[in-house]
């Protein structure tokens, strides 16, 4: 193995160990280690349908509680 290849391998291992140390220490930039999760976007119409359905469920529950 050539000297430059050995140095490159050592540098890679040092970088990996630093990331592990930062994770264990609880500090550092943990965002660079974990990829960001994309959030799903709902359209306003879909949000309205979901809200209306939840309101119907609440009304039905409230009606059932009054009968009991």
N, C-alpha and C. Protein backbone atom coordinates (compact mmCIF):
# COMPACT_ATOMS: atom_id res chain seq x y z
N UNK A 1 0.84 -1.18 0.00
CA UNK A 1 0.00 0.00 0.00
C UNK A 1 0.89 1.25 0.00
N UNK A 2 0.50 2.20 -0.77
CA UNK A 2 1.29 3.42 -0.84
C UNK A 2 0.97 4.32 0.35
N UNK A 3 1.88 5.20 0.63
CA UNK A 3 1.72 6.09 1.77
C UNK A 3 0.49 6.98 1.63
N UNK A 4 0.23 7.48 0.43
CA UNK A 4 -0.93 8.36 0.23
C UNK A 4 -2.24 7.61 0.45
N UNK A 5 -2.29 6.33 0.08
CA UNK A 5 -3.50 5.53 0.30
C UNK A 5 -3.72 5.29 1.79
N UNK A 6 -2.65 5.07 2.52
CA UNK A 6 -2.74 4.86 3.97
C UNK A 6 -3.24 6.14 4.64
N UNK A 7 -2.70 7.28 4.25
CA UNK A 7 -3.11 8.55 4.83
C UNK A 7 -4.58 8.83 4.52
N UNK A 8 -5.03 8.54 3.31
CA UNK A 8 -6.43 8.74 2.94
C UNK A 8 -7.34 7.86 3.79
N UNK A 9 -6.96 6.61 3.99
CA UNK A 9 -7.76 5.69 4.80
C UNK A 9 -7.83 6.17 6.25
N UNK A 10 -6.71 6.66 6.78
CA UNK A 10 -6.70 7.17 8.16
C UNK A 10 -7.58 8.41 8.28
N UNK A 11 -7.53 9.31 7.30
CA UNK A 11 -8.36 10.52 7.33
C UNK A 11 -9.85 10.16 7.30
N UNK A 12 -10.22 9.18 6.49
CA UNK A 12 -11.63 8.74 6.44
C UNK A 12 -12.07 8.18 7.78
N UNK A 13 -11.20 7.39 8.40
CA UNK A 13 -11.55 6.80 9.69
C UNK A 13 -11.66 7.87 10.77
N UNK A 14 -10.79 8.86 10.74
CA UNK A 14 -10.85 9.96 11.70
C UNK A 14 -12.17 10.73 11.55
N UNK A 15 -12.57 11.00 10.31
CA UNK A 15 -13.83 11.71 10.08
C UNK A 15 -15.01 10.90 10.62
N UNK A 16 -14.98 9.59 10.39
CA UNK A 16 -16.06 8.73 10.88
C UNK A 16 -16.09 8.71 12.41
N UNK A 17 -14.93 8.63 13.04
CA UNK A 17 -14.87 8.63 14.50
C UNK A 17 -15.36 9.95 15.09
N UNK A 18 -15.06 11.06 14.42
CA UNK A 18 -15.55 12.35 14.90
C UNK A 18 -17.07 12.42 14.85
N UNK A 19 -17.66 11.88 13.79
CA UNK A 19 -19.13 11.86 13.70
C UNK A 19 -19.73 11.04 14.83
N UNK A 20 -19.15 9.88 15.09
CA UNK A 20 -19.65 9.02 16.18
C UNK A 20 -19.50 9.72 17.52
N UNK A 21 -18.37 10.40 17.74
CA UNK A 21 -18.15 11.11 18.98
C UNK A 21 -19.19 12.22 19.17
N UNK A 22 -19.47 12.96 18.10
CA UNK A 22 -20.47 14.03 18.18
C UNK A 22 -21.85 13.46 18.52
N UNK A 23 -22.19 12.32 17.93
CA UNK A 23 -23.48 11.70 18.24
C UNK A 23 -23.55 11.28 19.71
N UNK A 24 -22.49 10.66 20.19
CA UNK A 24 -22.49 10.19 21.57
C UNK A 24 -22.46 11.34 22.56
N UNK A 25 -21.80 12.42 22.21
CA UNK A 25 -21.71 13.57 23.11
C UNK A 25 -23.00 14.37 23.12
N UNK A 26 -23.86 14.15 22.15
CA UNK A 26 -25.14 14.86 22.11
C UNK A 26 -25.02 16.24 21.50
N UNK A 27 -23.89 16.61 21.08
CA UNK A 27 -23.71 17.94 20.48
C UNK A 27 -23.39 17.80 19.02
N UNK A 28 -22.85 18.84 18.47
CA UNK A 28 -22.44 18.78 17.08
C UNK A 28 -23.61 18.96 16.14
N UNK A 29 -23.33 18.75 14.91
CA UNK A 29 -24.34 18.93 13.87
C UNK A 29 -24.88 17.57 13.46
N UNK A 30 -25.91 17.11 14.14
CA UNK A 30 -26.46 15.80 13.84
C UNK A 30 -27.28 15.79 12.55
N UNK A 31 -27.66 16.96 12.04
CA UNK A 31 -28.43 17.02 10.81
C UNK A 31 -27.61 16.54 9.62
N UNK A 32 -26.31 16.73 9.66
CA UNK A 32 -25.48 16.31 8.55
C UNK A 32 -25.38 14.80 8.48
N UNK A 33 -25.67 14.11 9.57
CA UNK A 33 -25.56 12.66 9.60
C UNK A 33 -26.86 12.02 9.13
N UNK A 34 -27.99 12.55 9.58
CA UNK A 34 -29.28 12.00 9.18
C UNK A 34 -29.87 12.84 8.06
N UNK A 35 -30.35 12.22 7.00
CA UNK A 35 -30.98 13.01 5.94
C UNK A 35 -32.32 13.56 6.43
N UNK A 36 -32.67 14.73 5.95
CA UNK A 36 -33.93 15.35 6.34
C UNK A 36 -35.09 14.57 5.75
N UNK A 37 -36.15 14.43 6.53
CA UNK A 37 -37.34 13.71 6.08
C UNK A 37 -38.30 14.72 5.45
N UNK A 38 -38.71 14.43 4.23
CA UNK A 38 -39.65 15.32 3.56
C UNK A 38 -41.04 15.12 4.13
N UNK A 39 -41.71 16.21 4.42
CA UNK A 39 -43.06 16.13 4.95
C UNK A 39 -44.05 16.17 3.81
N UNK A 40 -45.14 15.48 3.99
CA UNK A 40 -46.18 15.47 2.97
C UNK A 40 -47.01 16.73 3.10
N UNK A 41 -47.39 17.27 1.97
CA UNK A 41 -48.16 18.51 1.95
C UNK A 41 -49.59 18.18 1.53
N UNK A 42 -50.54 18.63 2.33
CA UNK A 42 -51.95 18.43 2.00
C UNK A 42 -52.49 19.70 1.35
N UNK A 43 -53.36 19.50 0.40
CA UNK A 43 -54.00 20.66 -0.21
C UNK A 43 -55.01 21.24 0.77
N UNK A 44 -55.38 22.50 0.59
CA UNK A 44 -56.39 23.09 1.48
C UNK A 44 -57.71 22.32 1.43
N UNK A 45 -58.06 21.81 0.27
CA UNK A 45 -59.32 21.04 0.16
C UNK A 45 -59.25 19.76 0.99
N UNK A 46 -58.13 19.08 0.92
CA UNK A 46 -57.97 17.84 1.69
C UNK A 46 -58.00 18.14 3.19
N UNK A 47 -57.34 19.22 3.60
CA UNK A 47 -57.35 19.60 5.01
C UNK A 47 -58.76 19.90 5.49
N UNK A 48 -59.56 20.57 4.64
CA UNK A 48 -60.94 20.89 4.99
C UNK A 48 -61.77 19.62 5.12
N UNK A 49 -61.59 18.66 4.21
CA UNK A 49 -62.34 17.39 4.29
C UNK A 49 -61.99 16.64 5.57
N UNK A 50 -60.73 16.63 5.93
CA UNK A 50 -60.32 15.94 7.15
C UNK A 50 -60.89 16.64 8.38
N UNK A 51 -60.85 17.96 8.40
CA UNK A 51 -61.39 18.72 9.53
C UNK A 51 -62.89 18.51 9.66
N UNK A 52 -63.60 18.54 8.53
CA UNK A 52 -65.06 18.34 8.57
C UNK A 52 -65.40 16.94 9.07
N UNK A 53 -64.65 15.95 8.64
CA UNK A 53 -64.90 14.58 9.08
C UNK A 53 -64.65 14.45 10.58
N UNK A 54 -63.61 15.10 11.08
CA UNK A 54 -63.33 15.05 12.52
C UNK A 54 -64.44 15.74 13.31
N UNK A 55 -64.92 16.86 12.80
CA UNK A 55 -66.03 17.55 13.49
C UNK A 55 -67.28 16.66 13.54
N UNK A 56 -67.55 15.92 12.45
CA UNK A 56 -68.69 14.99 12.46
C UNK A 56 -68.49 13.89 13.50
N UNK A 57 -67.27 13.38 13.62
CA UNK A 57 -67.01 12.35 14.63
C UNK A 57 -67.20 12.90 16.03
N UNK A 58 -66.73 14.13 16.27
CA UNK A 58 -66.91 14.73 17.59
C UNK A 58 -68.40 14.94 17.89
N UNK A 59 -69.16 15.40 16.89
CA UNK A 59 -70.58 15.63 17.09
C UNK A 59 -71.29 14.31 17.40
N UNK A 60 -70.93 13.25 16.68
CA UNK A 60 -71.55 11.95 16.92
C UNK A 60 -71.22 11.45 18.32
N UNK A 61 -70.00 11.64 18.76
CA UNK A 61 -69.60 11.22 20.10
C UNK A 61 -70.34 12.01 21.17
N UNK A 62 -70.45 13.32 20.93
CA UNK A 62 -71.14 14.16 21.89
C UNK A 62 -72.63 13.77 21.99
N UNK A 63 -73.22 13.45 20.85
CA UNK A 63 -74.62 13.03 20.81
C UNK A 63 -74.79 11.70 21.56
N UNK A 64 -73.86 10.79 21.38
CA UNK A 64 -73.92 9.49 22.06
C UNK A 64 -73.75 9.66 23.56
N UNK A 65 -72.91 10.60 23.98
CA UNK A 65 -72.70 10.85 25.41
C UNK A 65 -73.95 11.43 26.06
N UNK A 66 -74.68 12.28 25.34
CA UNK A 66 -75.90 12.87 25.90
C UNK A 66 -76.99 11.82 26.08
N UNK A 67 -77.06 10.84 25.16
CA UNK A 67 -78.08 9.78 25.28
C UNK A 67 -77.78 8.87 26.45
N UNK A 68 -76.54 8.66 26.76
CA UNK A 68 -76.17 7.72 27.82
C UNK A 68 -76.33 8.29 29.20
